[in-house]
Amino acid sequence: MMLDIGGETIVRSREILGIFDLDTATVMRDSRAYLAAAEKSGDAVTVSAELPKSFVVTLENGGRKVYISPLLTGTLFKRVKPTGKTESRV
């Protein structure tokens, strides 16, 4: 299944390691350091010029990729989990 994370960017849901709220995650020093390291290494991609609200961490081709999205985490979770079906992982 594919997930539209905004800004005309789509990722495979099976490659998603986590979906995080940008405001709450960046309160923690370790989360800020993780995002800074991803940006420095070129693994972070901002998918839209809109205000970022979440980030999606994926494992693609053996490497991590961090997508910074303008969509709320709730919106992303609704998109990744089909209505009426239970998924064991995101």
Protein backbone atom coordinates (compact mmCIF):
# COMPACT_ATOMS: atom_id res chain seq x y z
CA MET A 1 0.00 0.00 0.00
CA MET A 2 1.17 3.52 -0.75
CA LEU A 3 0.83 6.56 1.51
CA ASP A 4 0.48 10.12 0.21
CA ILE A 5 2.39 12.26 2.72
CA GLY A 6 1.71 15.57 1.01
CA GLY A 7 3.53 17.66 -1.55
CA GLU A 8 2.90 15.05 -4.24
CA THR A 9 5.15 12.61 -2.34
CA ILE A 10 4.17 8.97 -1.90
CA VAL A 11 5.96 6.32 0.17
CA ARG A 12 5.39 2.59 0.56
CA SER A 13 3.65 1.91 3.86
CA ARG A 14 5.72 -1.24 4.45
CA GLU A 15 8.87 0.93 4.48
CA ILE A 16 7.56 3.26 7.21
CA LEU A 17 9.35 2.94 10.55
CA GLY A 18 7.43 5.72 12.27
CA ILE A 19 5.21 8.77 11.93
CA PHE A 20 5.93 11.57 14.38
CA ASP A 21 4.36 14.89 15.34
CA LEU A 22 6.99 17.55 14.71
CA ASP A 23 5.99 19.77 17.64
CA THR A 24 5.98 17.08 20.31
CA ALA A 25 8.97 15.12 18.99
CA THR A 26 11.26 18.13 18.81
CA VAL A 27 10.73 18.89 22.49
CA MET A 28 13.16 16.05 23.19
CA ARG A 29 16.83 16.79 22.62
CA ASP A 30 17.47 13.36 21.07
CA SER A 31 14.69 13.86 18.51
CA ARG A 32 16.09 17.27 17.53
CA ALA A 33 19.56 15.73 17.19
CA TYR A 34 18.14 12.90 15.05
CA LEU A 35 16.45 15.36 12.68
CA ALA A 36 19.56 17.54 12.52
CA ALA A 37 21.72 14.50 11.67
CA ALA A 38 19.27 13.43 8.97
CA GLU A 39 19.36 16.91 7.44
CA LYS A 40 23.16 17.07 7.61
CA SER A 41 23.57 13.67 5.91
CA GLY A 42 21.04 14.53 3.20
CA ASP A 43 18.53 11.94 4.41
CA ALA A 44 15.83 14.53 5.22
CA VAL A 45 13.42 15.66 2.52
CA THR A 46 10.94 18.50 2.97
CA VAL A 47 7.99 17.53 0.76
CA SER A 48 6.21 20.89 0.68
CA ALA A 49 6.78 24.59 1.25
CA GLU A 50 3.83 24.56 3.67
CA LEU A 51 4.36 24.67 7.43
CA PRO A 52 5.75 21.26 8.52
CA LYS A 53 3.62 19.37 11.03
CA SER A 54 5.02 15.85 11.04
CA PHE A 55 7.85 13.68 9.84
CA VAL A 56 7.85 10.16 8.49
CA VAL A 57 10.89 7.92 8.93
CA THR A 58 11.31 5.20 6.31
CA LEU A 59 13.82 2.50 5.50
CA GLU A 60 14.33 2.52 1.74
CA ASN A 61 16.90 0.41 -0.09
CA GLY A 62 18.75 -0.27 3.15
CA GLY A 63 18.99 3.41 4.16
CA ARG A 64 16.87 5.75 6.20
CA LYS A 65 14.92 8.63 4.74
CA VAL A 66 13.10 11.28 6.78
CA TYR A 67 10.21 13.02 5.04
CA ILE A 68 9.07 16.29 6.60
CA SER A 69 5.36 16.62 5.85
CA PRO A 70 2.77 19.42 6.09
CA LEU A 71 0.11 16.89 7.15
CA LEU A 72 -0.91 16.15 10.73
CA THR A 73 -0.03 12.74 12.14
CA GLY A 74 -3.73 11.93 12.53
CA THR A 75 -4.29 12.52 8.84
CA LEU A 76 -1.36 10.30 7.92
CA PHE A 77 -2.53 7.51 10.24
CA LYS A 78 -6.02 7.63 8.71
CA ARG A 79 -4.50 7.37 5.25
CA VAL A 80 -2.27 4.42 6.09
CA LYS A 81 -4.93 2.36 7.90
CA PRO A 82 -7.83 1.40 5.63
CA THR A 83 -11.29 1.76 7.19
CA GLY A 84 -12.71 -1.49 8.51
CA LYS A 85 -9.43 -3.39 8.31
CA THR A 86 -6.95 -4.04 11.06
CA GLU A 87 -3.29 -3.70 10.18
CA SER A 88 -0.61 -5.25 12.35
CA ARG A 89 1.92 -2.56 11.51
CA VAL A 90 1.99 0.87 9.99
